[in-house]
Amino acid sequence: MLFLLMSEEYKVWEQRAGSFHQACRYCNQPAWQLLFRIYRTLGSAMTPASPHGAPVNEVWQVRCATCGGAAMTAHPSTWVHTLGVPVNQEYGPVAWGTPQYVQMAYPGVR
């Protein structure tokens, strides 16, 4: 019983962090590209993982608003200024990670 209460569990969260208008790499249509921060937090049965907990790790993902295609990317600070992409910073609410996009970010995570 004690083991079940102390066992660790990760939860995956996503938060929209920005957007920019550019041609999609998948559908080649000019469309809004949505930037998401996907991160995991650690918890247990006694103290469940929370979106407000310290992130164990995080990744960044760009999704096309037209076709839904997604690509993993580096932290925006490494490419926004060098590529000259005008990103609208948006900090939306935190939500559970969308399963098909979480699989790209963390392979093998359900």
Protein backbone atom coordinates (compact mmCIF):
# COMPACT_ATOMS: atom_id res chain seq x y z
CA MET A 1 0.00 0.00 0.00
CA LEU A 2 2.79 2.43 0.89
CA PHE A 3 4.47 1.73 -2.46
CA LEU A 4 1.34 2.80 -4.33
CA LEU A 5 1.20 6.06 -2.43
CA MET A 6 4.86 6.81 -3.07
CA SER A 7 5.07 5.73 -6.72
CA GLU A 8 6.02 8.50 -9.12
CA GLU A 9 3.90 9.60 -12.04
CA TYR A 10 4.52 12.11 -14.79
CA LYS A 11 1.79 14.22 -16.36
CA VAL A 12 2.17 16.05 -19.65
CA TRP A 13 0.82 19.56 -20.08
CA GLU A 14 0.72 21.99 -22.99
CA GLN A 15 0.41 25.73 -23.19
CA ARG A 16 0.07 27.87 -26.26
CA ALA A 17 2.96 30.30 -26.19
CA GLY A 18 2.63 32.20 -29.46
CA SER A 19 1.84 32.26 -33.15
CA PHE A 20 3.23 33.55 -36.42
CA HIS A 21 2.04 33.65 -40.04
CA GLN A 22 4.15 31.63 -42.44
CA ALA A 23 3.83 28.92 -45.08
CA CYS A 24 3.37 25.49 -43.53
CA ARG A 25 6.11 22.95 -44.18
CA TYR A 26 3.48 20.22 -44.70
CA CYS A 27 0.60 21.76 -46.66
CA ASN A 28 2.63 24.64 -48.15
CA GLN A 29 -0.25 27.05 -47.48
CA PRO A 30 0.29 30.42 -45.82
CA ALA A 31 -1.32 29.91 -42.42
CA TRP A 32 -1.00 30.69 -38.75
CA GLN A 33 1.63 28.53 -37.12
CA LEU A 34 0.85 27.97 -33.45
CA LEU A 35 3.71 27.62 -30.98
CA PHE A 36 3.18 25.33 -28.00
CA ARG A 37 5.25 24.62 -24.91
CA ILE A 38 4.84 20.97 -23.88
CA TYR A 39 6.22 19.98 -20.50
CA ARG A 40 6.07 17.22 -17.90
CA THR A 41 5.70 17.51 -14.14
CA LEU A 42 6.30 14.84 -11.53
CA GLY A 43 3.88 13.76 -8.82
CA SER A 44 2.71 10.76 -6.83
CA ALA A 45 -0.58 9.38 -5.54
CA MET A 46 -0.18 11.48 -2.41
CA THR A 47 0.75 14.68 -4.27
CA PRO A 48 -0.48 14.47 -7.86
CA ALA A 49 1.40 16.17 -10.67
CA SER A 50 0.10 19.67 -11.28
CA PRO A 51 0.50 22.05 -14.21
CA HIS A 52 1.93 24.53 -11.73
CA GLY A 53 4.64 22.16 -10.49
CA ALA A 54 8.26 22.48 -11.51
CA PRO A 55 8.76 21.20 -15.08
CA VAL A 56 10.95 18.10 -15.26
CA ASN A 57 11.61 18.78 -18.94
CA GLU A 58 10.02 20.81 -21.71
CA VAL A 59 9.95 20.86 -25.49
CA TRP A 60 8.55 23.24 -28.08
CA GLN A 61 6.28 22.41 -30.98
CA VAL A 62 4.89 24.36 -33.94
CA ARG A 63 1.47 23.32 -35.29
CA CYS A 64 -0.23 24.50 -38.47
CA ALA A 65 -3.69 25.98 -37.89
CA THR A 66 -4.80 24.83 -41.37
CA CYS A 67 -3.68 21.21 -41.66
CA GLY A 68 -2.74 20.36 -38.05
CA GLY A 69 0.75 19.25 -39.03
CA ALA A 70 3.26 19.57 -36.21
CA ALA A 71 7.02 19.81 -35.98
CA MET A 72 9.32 19.87 -33.00
CA THR A 73 11.45 22.97 -32.66
CA ALA A 74 14.11 24.46 -30.46
CA HIS A 75 13.37 27.05 -27.81
CA PRO A 76 11.99 30.15 -29.59
CA SER A 77 14.79 32.36 -28.27
CA THR A 78 17.21 30.42 -30.50
CA TRP A 79 15.37 31.01 -33.80
CA VAL A 80 12.98 33.96 -33.57
CA HIS A 81 15.63 36.66 -33.91
CA THR A 82 17.98 34.79 -36.25
CA LEU A 83 15.22 33.94 -38.76
CA GLY A 84 13.41 37.25 -38.36
CA VAL A 85 10.08 35.56 -37.64
CA PRO A 86 7.68 37.99 -35.95
CA VAL A 87 6.13 35.84 -33.21
CA ASN A 88 3.08 37.08 -31.34
CA GLN A 89 3.64 36.02 -27.74
CA GLU A 90 0.53 34.49 -26.24
CA TYR A 91 0.32 32.68 -22.96
CA GLY A 92 -2.87 30.69 -23.04
CA PRO A 93 -4.24 28.47 -20.32
CA VAL A 94 -2.46 25.24 -19.45
CA ALA A 95 -4.23 22.06 -20.57
CA TRP A 96 -3.56 18.33 -20.64
CA GLY A 97 -1.28 17.39 -23.51
CA THR A 98 -3.09 16.40 -26.71
CA PRO A 99 -2.25 12.68 -27.21
CA GLN A 100 -1.13 12.74 -30.85
CA TYR A 101 1.15 15.74 -30.24
CA VAL A 102 2.47 14.37 -26.94
CA GLN A 103 3.61 11.23 -28.79
CA MET A 104 5.80 13.44 -31.00
CA ALA A 105 7.21 15.29 -28.00
CA TYR A 106 7.74 12.28 -25.72
CA PRO A 107 7.72 8.99 -27.66
CA GLY A 108 6.38 6.11 -25.61
CA VAL A 109 4.37 8.30 -23.22
CA ARG A 110 0.66 7.51 -23.02
